Amino acid sequence: MKNWLLLFVPLLCIACGEPPTTSSAEQGGGEVKQEASSNKLIAAEPASTIKLVTEEINYTVDGEPFTGFLAYDEAIEGKRPGVLVVHEWWGHNEYARTRAVQLARMGYTAFSLDMYGAGKVTDHPDNAMAFMQMATKDPEQVKERFLKAKQILEQQSTVYADKIAAIGYCFGGGVVLNMARAGVDLDGVASFHGSLAATQVAAPGSVEAKVLVLNGADDTMTPAEQIEAFKTEMDAAGVDYEFINYPGAQHSFTNPGATEAGKKYNMPLAYNEQADEQSWEKLQEFLNNLWP
């Protein structure tokens, strides 16, 4: 295994499943104001009452362009809770957007955000590492980019601004856990095969969000000592959390492209259908309990 694979395991998850397809992006206008692109899609779902709406939203953070992806069910009247989706280390790709669509089908408004910047998606680990290093060089920059996306979601006409959660995969799982540690106003966060290492250790009483960690028991990128340290930290901080280990599941177990990517780049990745389905069911239960 290449040396770069070992460099960032303690900080953030460094490898995820399928290589992405690159989406187009344009410069957004205004500091916080969203700007919807012209490719708004409305698709009627056969044999159902779902009327799925998706759209790209271009925005800026410190003058840099970013592209997010919004999804909701137009057949639902009025407001509903919102869920942020944070992508893998490949960048804001189709996999993250697919999860946003799944959340929309469940009745939420979902926003798949961009942590790297418009067009910064890749299918090569070296590029992914470079993008991640640039994005995470300053914890305040990570927080600023996350909060901008959160604000965009809160401003949607279909969203209760005071009912927001966040989920993340691999790199994104580490991001949402660290946002919870930083005391960001979220009802809950869920991490799928994400890094557990803290950029800022949770202080007692500082974490407002409920926390769900969905981990592969055979994930070599999340060693036992990191799990124990995480649980000790959460207990000491008085966090309402649940940690689940899925037997036989390796890193990136939710991504159908993980096995192929693992073989291609000699990484310990593998898709696990059973763990994928069980973890998604657990997420649904988690979100239902946040907003009964």
C-alpha atoms as a PDB file:
ATOM      1  CA  MET A   1       0.000   0.000   0.000  1.00  0.00           C
ATOM      2  CA  LYS A   2       1.296   3.422  -0.868  1.00  0.00           C
ATOM      3  CA  ASN A   3       2.653   5.626   1.892  1.00  0.00           C
ATOM      4  CA  TRP A   4       0.133   8.357   1.165  1.00  0.00           C
ATOM      5  CA  LEU A   5      -2.624   5.958   2.217  1.00  0.00           C
ATOM      6  CA  LEU A   6      -1.319   6.005   5.770  1.00  0.00           C
ATOM      7  CA  LEU A   7      -0.719   9.720   6.151  1.00  0.00           C
ATOM      8  CA  PHE A   8      -4.192  10.962   6.971  1.00  0.00           C
ATOM      9  CA  VAL A   9      -5.958   8.053   8.659  1.00  0.00           C
ATOM     10  CA  PRO A  10      -5.650   9.778  12.078  1.00  0.00           C
ATOM     11  CA  LEU A  11      -7.129  13.015  10.723  1.00  0.00           C
ATOM     12  CA  LEU A  12      -9.829  12.258   8.174  1.00  0.00           C
ATOM     13  CA  CYS A  13     -10.976   9.258   6.212  1.00  0.00           C
ATOM     14  CA  ILE A  14      -8.749   8.960   3.208  1.00  0.00           C
ATOM     15  CA  ALA A  15     -10.440   6.599   0.812  1.00  0.00           C
ATOM     16  CA  CYS A  16     -13.926   5.919  -0.433  1.00  0.00           C
ATOM     17  CA  GLY A  17     -15.718   3.858  -2.987  1.00  0.00           C
ATOM     18  CA  GLU A  18     -16.579   4.542  -6.566  1.00  0.00           C
ATOM     19  CA  PRO A  19     -14.798   7.120  -8.700  1.00  0.00           C
ATOM     20  CA  PRO A  20     -17.124  10.055  -9.366  1.00  0.00           C
ATOM     21  CA  THR A  21     -18.549  11.545 -12.481  1.00  0.00           C
ATOM     22  CA  THR A  22     -17.632  15.204 -12.776  1.00  0.00           C
ATOM     23  CA  SER A  23     -20.495  17.706 -12.706  1.00  0.00           C
ATOM     24  CA  SER A  24     -20.369  21.138 -14.272  1.00  0.00           C
ATOM     25  CA  ALA A  25     -20.271  24.267 -12.116  1.00  0.00           C
ATOM     26  CA  GLU A  26     -20.420  28.018 -12.574  1.00  0.00           C
ATOM     27  CA  GLN A  27     -19.430  30.971 -10.456  1.00  0.00           C
ATOM     28  CA  GLY A  28     -22.162  31.835  -7.978  1.00  0.00           C
ATOM     29  CA  GLY A  29     -23.150  35.365  -7.082  1.00  0.00           C
ATOM     30  CA  GLY A  30     -23.433  37.028  -3.689  1.00  0.00           C
ATOM     31  CA  GLU A  31     -21.730  36.145  -0.429  1.00  0.00           C
ATOM     32  CA  VAL A  32     -24.398  33.882   1.001  1.00  0.00           C
ATOM     33  CA  LYS A  33     -27.168  34.168  -1.525  1.00  0.00           C
ATOM     34  CA  GLN A  34     -27.817  31.010  -3.497  1.00  0.00           C
ATOM     35  CA  GLU A  35     -28.046  31.033  -7.262  1.00  0.00           C
ATOM     36  CA  ALA A  36     -29.887  28.145  -8.872  1.00  0.00           C
ATOM     37  CA  SER A  37     -28.625  26.927 -12.203  1.00  0.00           C
ATOM     38  CA  SER A  38     -30.900  26.342 -15.158  1.00  0.00           C
ATOM     39  CA  ASN A  39     -30.900  22.546 -15.078  1.00  0.00           C
ATOM     40  CA  LYS A  40     -33.723  22.156 -12.574  1.00  0.00           C
ATOM     41  CA  LEU A  41     -35.257  18.729 -13.043  1.00  0.00           C
ATOM     42  CA  ILE A  42     -38.722  17.515 -12.117  1.00  0.00           C
ATOM     43  CA  ALA A  43     -39.381  13.821 -12.532  1.00  0.00           C
ATOM     44  CA  ALA A  44     -42.674  12.122 -11.750  1.00  0.00           C
ATOM     45  CA  GLU A  45     -42.072   8.754 -10.103  1.00  0.00           C
ATOM     46  CA  PRO A  46     -44.143   5.942 -11.657  1.00  0.00           C
ATOM     47  CA  ALA A  47     -46.761   4.291  -9.469  1.00  0.00           C
ATOM     48  CA  SER A  48     -46.127   6.703  -6.620  1.00  0.00           C
ATOM     49  CA  THR A  49     -47.037  10.153  -5.385  1.00  0.00           C
ATOM     50  CA  ILE A  50     -43.431  11.332  -5.304  1.00  0.00           C
ATOM     51  CA  LYS A  51     -42.604  14.326  -7.478  1.00  0.00           C
ATOM     52  CA  LEU A  52     -38.869  14.604  -7.158  1.00  0.00           C
ATOM     53  CA  VAL A  53     -37.227  17.971  -7.740  1.00  0.00           C
ATOM     54  CA  THR A  54     -33.456  18.340  -8.005  1.00  0.00           C
ATOM     55  CA  GLU A  55     -31.334  21.354  -8.822  1.00  0.00           C
ATOM     56  CA  GLU A  56     -27.741  22.467  -8.727  1.00  0.00           C
ATOM     57  CA  ILE A  57     -27.038  25.511  -6.576  1.00  0.00           C
ATOM     58  CA  ASN A  58     -23.921  27.550  -7.239  1.00  0.00           C
ATOM     59  CA  TYR A  59     -22.584  29.629  -4.367  1.00  0.00           C
ATOM     60  CA  THR A  60     -19.402  31.215  -3.111  1.00  0.00           C
ATOM     61  CA  VAL A  61     -17.310  31.026   0.046  1.00  0.00           C
ATOM     62  CA  ASP A  62     -14.632  33.706   0.420  1.00  0.00           C
ATOM     63  CA  GLY A  63     -14.944  34.441  -3.283  1.00  0.00           C
ATOM     64  CA  GLU A  64     -14.376  30.812  -4.316  1.00  0.00           C
ATOM     65  CA  PRO A  65     -17.105  29.001  -6.317  1.00  0.00           C
ATOM     66  CA  PHE A  66     -18.837  25.884  -5.015  1.00  0.00           C
ATOM     67  CA  THR A  67     -21.604  23.711  -6.419  1.00  0.00           C
ATOM     68  CA  GLY A  68     -24.206  21.956  -4.282  1.00  0.00           C
ATOM     69  CA  PHE A  69     -27.124  19.698  -5.139  1.00  0.00           C
ATOM     70  CA  LEU A  70     -30.629  20.134  -3.692  1.00  0.00           C
ATOM     71  CA  ALA A  71     -33.323  17.435  -3.706  1.00  0.00           C
ATOM     72  CA  TYR A  72     -36.874  17.376  -2.340  1.00  0.00           C
ATOM     73  CA  ASP A  73     -40.325  15.966  -3.009  1.00  0.00           C
ATOM     74  CA  GLU A  74     -42.600  18.619  -4.468  1.00  0.00           C
ATOM     75  CA  ALA A  75     -45.654  16.462  -3.740  1.00  0.00           C
ATOM     76  CA  ILE A  76     -45.188  17.214  -0.027  1.00  0.00           C
ATOM     77  CA  GLU A  77     -46.812  20.479   0.949  1.00  0.00           C
ATOM     78  CA  GLY A  78     -45.086  22.944   3.248  1.00  0.00           C
ATOM     79  CA  LYS A  79     -41.869  22.627   5.194  1.00  0.00           C
ATOM     80  CA  ARG A  80     -39.970  19.601   6.368  1.00  0.00           C
ATOM     81  CA  PRO A  81     -36.606  18.944   8.108  1.00  0.00           C
ATOM     82  CA  GLY A  82     -33.406  19.374   6.112  1.00  0.00           C
ATOM     83  CA  VAL A  83     -30.419  17.048   5.865  1.00  0.00           C
ATOM     84  CA  LEU A  84     -26.922  17.973   4.702  1.00  0.00           C
ATOM     85  CA  VAL A  85     -24.867  15.329   2.888  1.00  0.00           C
ATOM     86  CA  VAL A  86     -21.057  15.582   2.977  1.00  0.00           C
ATOM     87  CA  HIS A  87     -19.196  13.747   0.233  1.00  0.00           C
ATOM     88  CA  GLU A  88     -16.327  11.262   0.222  1.00  0.00           C
ATOM     89  CA  TRP A  89     -12.733  12.265  -0.391  1.00  0.00           C
ATOM     90  CA  TRP A  90     -13.232  12.039  -4.165  1.00  0.00           C
ATOM     91  CA  GLY A  91     -15.228  15.277  -4.009  1.00  0.00           C
ATOM     92  CA  HIS A  92     -18.854  16.252  -4.547  1.00  0.00           C
ATOM     93  CA  ASN A  93     -19.819  13.453  -6.908  1.00  0.00           C
ATOM     94  CA  GLU A  94     -22.806  11.434  -8.057  1.00  0.00           C
ATOM     95  CA  TYR A  95     -22.645   9.100  -5.070  1.00  0.00           C
ATOM     96  CA  ALA A  96     -23.313  11.959  -2.643  1.00  0.00           C
ATOM     97  CA  ARG A  97     -26.113  13.229  -4.891  1.00  0.00           C
ATOM     98  CA  THR A  98     -27.677   9.776  -4.952  1.00  0.00           C
ATOM     99  CA  ARG A  99     -27.878   9.819  -1.157  1.00  0.00           C
ATOM    100  CA  ALA A 100     -29.523  13.257  -1.280  1.00  0.00           C
ATOM    101  CA  VAL A 101     -32.158  11.864  -3.634  1.00  0.00           C
ATOM    102  CA  GLN A 102     -32.794   8.956  -1.263  1.00  0.00           C
ATOM    103  CA  LEU A 103     -33.359  11.400   1.574  1.00  0.00           C
ATOM    104  CA  ALA A 104     -35.745  13.423  -0.590  1.00  0.00           C
ATOM    105  CA  ARG A 105     -37.740  10.260  -1.281  1.00  0.00           C
ATOM    106  CA  MET A 106     -37.991   9.794   2.487  1.00  0.00           C
ATOM    107  CA  GLY A 107     -39.632  13.200   2.814  1.00  0.00           C
ATOM    108  CA  TYR A 108     -36.694  15.444   3.718  1.00  0.00           C
ATOM    109  CA  THR A 109     -35.102  18.292   1.811  1.00  0.00           C
ATOM    110  CA  ALA A 110     -31.494  17.270   1.261  1.00  0.00           C
ATOM    111  CA  PHE A 111     -28.506  19.347   0.213  1.00  0.00           C
ATOM    112  CA  SER A 112     -25.362  17.586  -0.944  1.00  0.00           C
ATOM    113  CA  LEU A 113     -22.704  20.183  -0.263  1.00  0.00           C
ATOM    114  CA  ASP A 114     -19.264  20.819  -1.711  1.00  0.00           C
ATOM    115  CA  MET A 115     -16.252  20.937   0.598  1.00  0.00           C
ATOM    116  CA  TYR A 116     -13.546  21.256  -2.064  1.00  0.00           C
ATOM    117  CA  GLY A 117     -14.749  23.828  -4.598  1.00  0.00           C
ATOM    118  CA  ALA A 118     -16.504  23.739  -7.951  1.00  0.00           C
ATOM    119  CA  GLY A 119     -15.100  21.154 -10.322  1.00  0.00           C
ATOM    120  CA  LYS A 120     -12.752  19.603  -7.759  1.00  0.00           C
ATOM    121  CA  VAL A 121     -13.780  15.988  -8.171  1.00  0.00           C
ATOM    122  CA  THR A 122     -11.476  13.180  -9.198  1.00  0.00           C
ATOM    123  CA  ASP A 123     -11.104   9.456  -9.713  1.00  0.00           C
ATOM    124  CA  HIS A 124      -7.426   9.318  -8.702  1.00  0.00           C
ATOM    125  CA  PRO A 125      -6.226   9.042  -5.081  1.00  0.00           C
ATOM    126  CA  ASP A 126      -3.347  11.485  -5.527  1.00  0.00           C
ATOM    127  CA  ASN A 127      -5.715  14.228  -6.660  1.00  0.00           C
ATOM    128  CA  ALA A 128      -8.174  13.377  -3.905  1.00  0.00           C
ATOM    129  CA  MET A 129      -5.411  13.682  -1.328  1.00  0.00           C
ATOM    130  CA  ALA A 130      -4.412  17.088  -2.697  1.00  0.00           C
ATOM    131  CA  PHE A 131      -8.013  18.338  -2.635  1.00  0.00           C
ATOM    132  CA  MET A 132      -8.507  17.075   0.918  1.00  0.00           C
ATOM    133  CA  GLN A 133      -5.277  18.645   2.171  1.00  0.00           C
ATOM    134  CA  MET A 134      -6.263  22.015   0.755  1.00  0.00           C
ATOM    135  CA  ALA A 135      -9.769  21.811   2.196  1.00  0.00           C
ATOM    136  CA  THR A 136      -8.667  20.757   5.690  1.00  0.00           C
ATOM    137  CA  LYS A 137      -5.517  22.834   6.134  1.00  0.00           C
ATOM    138  CA  ASP A 138      -7.476  25.142   8.450  1.00  0.00           C
ATOM    139  CA  PRO A 139     -10.305  23.822  10.680  1.00  0.00           C
ATOM    140  CA  GLU A 140     -11.984  27.222  10.500  1.00  0.00           C
ATOM    141  CA  GLN A 141     -12.118  26.931   6.718  1.00  0.00           C
ATOM    142  CA  VAL A 142     -13.821  23.546   7.029  1.00  0.00           C
ATOM    143  CA  LYS A 143     -16.350  25.034   9.411  1.00  0.00           C
ATOM    144  CA  GLU A 144     -16.968  28.070   7.227  1.00  0.00           C
ATOM    145  CA  ARG A 145     -17.672  25.941   4.160  1.00  0.00           C
ATOM    146  CA  PHE A 146     -19.988  23.690   6.125  1.00  0.00           C
ATOM    147  CA  LEU A 147     -21.882  26.604   7.665  1.00  0.00           C
ATOM    148  CA  LYS A 148     -22.390  28.268   4.280  1.00  0.00           C
ATOM    149  CA  ALA A 149     -24.033  25.117   2.970  1.00  0.00           C
ATOM    150  CA  LYS A 150     -26.104  24.827   6.135  1.00  0.00           C
ATOM    151  CA  GLN A 151     -27.322  28.393   5.662  1.00  0.00           C
ATOM    152  CA  ILE A 152     -28.322  27.671   2.062  1.00  0.00           C
ATOM    153  CA  LEU A 153     -30.354  24.665   3.201  1.00  0.00           C
ATOM    154  CA  GLU A 154     -31.997  26.651   5.983  1.00  0.00           C
ATOM    155  CA  GLN A 155     -33.102  29.304   3.473  1.00  0.00           C
ATOM    156  CA  GLN A 156     -35.063  26.849   1.333  1.00  0.00           C
ATOM    157  CA  SER A 157     -38.829  27.372   1.330  1.00  0.00           C
ATOM    158  CA  THR A 158     -39.315  23.635   1.933  1.00  0.00           C
ATOM    159  CA  VAL A 159     -37.186  23.521   5.101  1.00  0.00           C
ATOM    160  CA  TYR A 160     -37.742  24.145   8.795  1.00  0.00           C
ATOM    161  CA  ALA A 161     -34.612  26.171   9.522  1.00  0.00           C
ATOM    162  CA  ASP A 162     -34.487  24.889  13.102  1.00  0.00           C
ATOM    163  CA  LYS A 163     -34.626  21.214  12.077  1.00  0.00           C
ATOM    164  CA  ILE A 164     -31.319  20.369  10.413  1.00  0.00           C
ATOM    165  CA  ALA A 165     -29.167  17.243  10.529  1.00  0.00           C
ATOM    166  CA  ALA A 166     -26.031  16.181   8.638  1.00  0.00           C
ATOM    167  CA  ILE A 167     -24.705  12.886   7.351  1.00  0.00           C
ATOM    168  CA  GLY A 168     -21.297  12.136   5.885  1.00  0.00           C
ATOM    169  CA  TYR A 169     -19.398   9.348   4.169  1.00  0.00           C
ATOM    170  CA  CYS A 170     -15.719   8.602   4.822  1.00  0.00           C
ATOM    171  CA  PHE A 171     -14.117  12.070   4.611  1.00  0.00           C
ATOM    172  CA  GLY A 172     -17.595  13.523   5.094  1.00  0.00           C
ATOM    173  CA  GLY A 173     -18.211  11.374   8.158  1.00  0.00           C
ATOM    174  CA  GLY A 174     -15.189  12.919   9.825  1.00  0.00           C
ATOM    175  CA  VAL A 175     -16.435  16.375   8.830  1.00  0.00           C
ATOM    176  CA  VAL A 176     -19.901  15.991  10.392  1.00  0.00           C
ATOM    177  CA  LEU A 177     -18.482  14.519  13.598  1.00  0.00           C
ATOM    178  CA  ASN A 178     -16.091  17.448  13.923  1.00  0.00           C
ATOM    179  CA  MET A 179     -18.911  19.919  13.255  1.00  0.00           C
ATOM    180  CA  ALA A 180     -20.812  18.339  16.143  1.00  0.00           C
ATOM    181  CA  ARG A 181     -17.703  18.573  18.334  1.00  0.00           C
ATOM    182  CA  ALA A 182     -17.400  22.257  17.419  1.00  0.00           C
ATOM    183  CA  GLY A 183     -20.901  22.890  18.738  1.00  0.00           C
ATOM    184  CA  VAL A 184     -22.560  23.642  15.382  1.00  0.00           C
ATOM    185  CA  ASP A 185     -26.333  23.921  15.805  1.00  0.00           C
ATOM    186  CA  LEU A 186     -27.497  20.576  14.424  1.00  0.00           C
ATOM    187  CA  ASP A 187     -30.157  18.210  15.698  1.00  0.00           C
ATOM    188  CA  GLY A 188     -28.116  15.177  14.749  1.00  0.00           C
ATOM    189  CA  VAL A 189     -25.158  13.886  12.744  1.00  0.00           C
ATOM    190  CA  ALA A 190     -24.551  10.443  11.275  1.00  0.00           C
ATOM    191  CA  SER A 191     -21.166   9.174  10.103  1.00  0.00           C
ATOM    192  CA  PHE A 192     -20.848   6.260   7.674  1.00  0.00           C
ATOM    193  CA  HIS A 193     -17.397   4.620   7.792  1.00  0.00           C
ATOM    194  CA  GLY A 194     -15.875   7.973   8.738  1.00  0.00           C
ATOM    195  CA  SER A 195     -12.792   8.920  10.684  1.00  0.00           C
ATOM    196  CA  LEU A 196     -13.332   9.201  14.438  1.00  0.00           C
ATOM    197  CA  ALA A 197     -10.261  11.337  15.149  1.00  0.00           C
ATOM    198  CA  ALA A 198     -10.986  14.788  16.534  1.00  0.00           C
ATOM    199  CA  THR A 199      -9.620  18.060  15.223  1.00  0.00           C
ATOM    200  CA  GLN A 200     -11.146  19.583  18.372  1.00  0.00           C
ATOM    201  CA  VAL A 201     -11.945  17.294  21.302  1.00  0.00           C
ATOM    202  CA  ALA A 202     -15.528  17.684  22.483  1.00  0.00           C
ATOM    203  CA  ALA A 203     -15.839  19.626  25.720  1.00  0.00           C
ATOM    204  CA  PRO A 204     -18.455  18.600  28.300  1.00  0.00           C
ATOM    205  CA  GLY A 205     -21.825  20.020  27.277  1.00  0.00           C
ATOM    206  CA  SER A 206     -20.546  21.462  23.993  1.00  0.00           C
ATOM    207  CA  VAL A 207     -22.156  18.971  21.603  1.00  0.00           C
ATOM    208  CA  GLU A 208     -25.773  19.830  20.838  1.00  0.00           C
ATOM    209  CA  ALA A 209     -26.311  17.163  18.199  1.00  0.00           C
ATOM    210  CA  LYS A 210     -27.219  13.553  18.743  1.00  0.00           C
ATOM    211  CA  VAL A 211     -24.535  11.379  17.171  1.00  0.00           C
ATOM    212  CA  LEU A 212     -24.773   8.138  15.217  1.00  0.00           C
ATOM    213  CA  VAL A 213     -21.642   6.306  14.054  1.00  0.00           C
ATOM    214  CA  LEU A 214     -22.022   3.457  11.563  1.00  0.00           C
ATOM    215  CA  ASN A 215     -18.724   1.620  11.293  1.00  0.00           C
ATOM    216  CA  GLY A 216     -17.379  -1.493   9.635  1.00  0.00           C
ATOM    217  CA  ALA A 217     -16.036  -3.951  12.176  1.00  0.00           C
ATOM    218  CA  ASP A 218     -13.338  -5.013   9.684  1.00  0.00           C
ATOM    219  CA  ASP A 219     -12.406  -1.458   8.701  1.00  0.00           C
ATOM    220  CA  THR A 220      -8.622  -1.321   9.080  1.00  0.00           C
ATOM    221  CA  MET A 221      -8.707   2.450   8.716  1.00  0.00           C
ATOM    222  CA  THR A 222     -10.564   2.737  12.021  1.00  0.00           C
ATOM    223  CA  PRO A 223      -8.354   0.899  14.529  1.00  0.00           C
ATOM    224  CA  ALA A 224      -9.675  -0.321  17.872  1.00  0.00           C
ATOM    225  CA  GLU A 225      -7.753   2.315  19.815  1.00  0.00           C
ATOM    226  CA  GLN A 226      -9.412   5.074  17.780  1.00  0.00           C
ATOM    227  CA  ILE A 227     -12.838   3.604  18.545  1.00  0.00           C
ATOM    228  CA  GLU A 228     -12.094   3.422  22.246  1.00  0.00           C
ATOM    229  CA  ALA A 229     -10.752   6.973  22.285  1.00  0.00           C
ATOM    230  CA  PHE A 230     -13.895   8.181  20.515  1.00  0.00           C
ATOM    231  CA  LYS A 231     -16.217   6.473  22.985  1.00  0.00           C
ATOM    232  CA  THR A 232     -14.213   7.810  25.932  1.00  0.00           C
ATOM    233  CA  GLU A 233     -14.394  11.315  24.474  1.00  0.00           C
ATOM    234  CA  MET A 234     -18.166  11.104  23.869  1.00  0.00           C
ATOM    235  CA  ASP A 235     -18.822   9.731  27.361  1.00  0.00           C
ATOM    236  CA  ALA A 236     -16.702  12.427  28.998  1.00  0.00           C
ATOM    237  CA  ALA A 237     -18.489  15.150  27.040  1.00  0.00           C
ATOM    238  CA  GLY A 238     -21.932  13.787  27.884  1.00  0.00           C
ATOM    239  CA  VAL A 239     -22.880  13.267  24.237  1.00  0.00           C
ATOM    240  CA  ASP A 240     -26.029  11.381  23.273  1.00  0.00           C
ATOM    241  CA  TYR A 241     -24.450   8.931  20.838  1.00  0.00           C
ATOM    242  CA  GLU A 242     -24.736   5.429  19.414  1.00  0.00           C
ATOM    243  CA  PHE A 243     -21.894   3.442  17.882  1.00  0.00           C
ATOM    244  CA  ILE A 244     -22.639   0.450  15.664  1.00  0.00           C
ATOM    245  CA  ASN A 245     -20.092  -2.000  14.246  1.00  0.00           C
ATOM    246  CA  TYR A 246     -21.218  -4.104  11.291  1.00  0.00           C
ATOM    247  CA  PRO A 247     -19.524  -7.528  11.331  1.00  0.00           C
ATOM    248  CA  GLY A 248     -17.503  -8.318   8.238  1.00  0.00           C
ATOM    249  CA  ALA A 249     -17.853  -4.805   6.820  1.00  0.00           C
ATOM    250  CA  GLN A 250     -14.732  -3.085   5.538  1.00  0.00           C
ATOM    251  CA  HIS A 251     -14.083   0.544   4.750  1.00  0.00           C
ATOM    252  CA  SER A 252     -16.554   2.243   2.380  1.00  0.00           C
ATOM    253  CA  PHE A 253     -19.064  -0.573   2.884  1.00  0.00           C
ATOM    254  CA  THR A 254     -22.024   1.549   1.697  1.00  0.00           C
ATOM    255  CA  ASN A 255     -20.619   2.333  -1.739  1.00  0.00           C
ATOM    256  CA  PRO A 256     -21.346  -0.211  -4.523  1.00  0.00           C
ATOM    257  CA  GLY A 257     -18.174   0.897  -6.324  1.00  0.00           C
ATOM    258  CA  ALA A 258     -15.899   0.330  -3.336  1.00  0.00           C
ATOM    259  CA  THR A 259     -14.702  -3.168  -4.198  1.00  0.00           C
ATOM    260  CA  GLU A 260     -13.611  -2.219  -7.703  1.00  0.00           C
ATOM    261  CA  ALA A 261     -11.867   0.944  -6.471  1.00  0.00           C
ATOM    262  CA  GLY A 262     -10.104  -1.042  -3.767  1.00  0.00           C
ATOM    263  CA  LYS A 263      -8.693  -3.474  -6.282  1.00  0.00           C
ATOM    264  CA  LYS A 264      -7.724  -0.713  -8.705  1.00  0.00           C
ATOM    265  CA  TYR A 265      -5.799   1.334  -6.141  1.00  0.00           C
ATOM    266  CA  ASN A 266      -4.736  -1.445  -3.750  1.00  0.00           C
ATOM    267  CA  MET A 267      -6.815  -0.110  -0.877  1.00  0.00           C
ATOM    268  CA  PRO A 268      -8.713  -2.070   1.805  1.00  0.00           C
ATOM    269  CA  LEU A 269     -12.165  -1.134   0.480  1.00  0.00           C
ATOM    270  CA  ALA A 270     -15.191  -3.347  -0.130  1.00  0.00           C
ATOM    271  CA  TYR A 271     -18.921  -2.957  -0.593  1.00  0.00           C
ATOM    272  CA  ASN A 272     -21.130  -4.889   1.824  1.00  0.00           C
ATOM    273  CA  GLU A 273     -24.764  -5.010   0.734  1.00  0.00           C
ATOM    274  CA  GLN A 274     -26.105  -6.198   4.069  1.00  0.00           C
ATOM    275  CA  ALA A 275     -24.255  -3.539   6.064  1.00  0.00           C
ATOM    276  CA  ASP A 276     -25.288  -0.898   3.529  1.00  0.00           C
ATOM    277  CA  GLU A 277     -28.965  -1.758   3.878  1.00  0.00           C
ATOM    278  CA  GLN A 278     -28.838  -2.117   7.655  1.00  0.00           C
ATOM    279  CA  SER A 279     -26.995   1.162   8.151  1.00  0.00           C
ATOM    280  CA  TRP A 280     -29.473   3.038   5.942  1.00  0.00           C
ATOM    281  CA  GLU A 281     -32.369   1.573   7.926  1.00  0.00           C
ATOM    282  CA  LYS A 282     -30.623   2.725  11.082  1.00  0.00           C
ATOM    283  CA  LEU A 283     -30.274   6.220   9.647  1.00  0.00           C
ATOM    284  CA  GLN A 284     -33.992   6.333   8.902  1.00  0.00           C
ATOM    285  CA  GLU A 285     -34.745   5.332  12.486  1.00  0.00           C
ATOM    286  CA  PHE A 286     -32.283   7.948  13.756  1.00  0.00           C
ATOM    287  CA  LEU A 287     -33.873  10.754  11.728  1.00  0.00           C
ATOM    288  CA  ASN A 288     -37.382   9.669  12.697  1.00  0.00           C
ATOM    289  CA  ASN A 289     -36.419   9.880  16.351  1.00  0.00           C
ATOM    290  CA  LEU A 290     -34.911  13.346  15.876  1.00  0.00           C
ATOM    291  CA  TRP A 291     -38.178  14.688  14.508  1.00  0.00           C
ATOM    292  CA  PRO A 292     -41.031  12.464  15.672  1.00  0.00           C
END
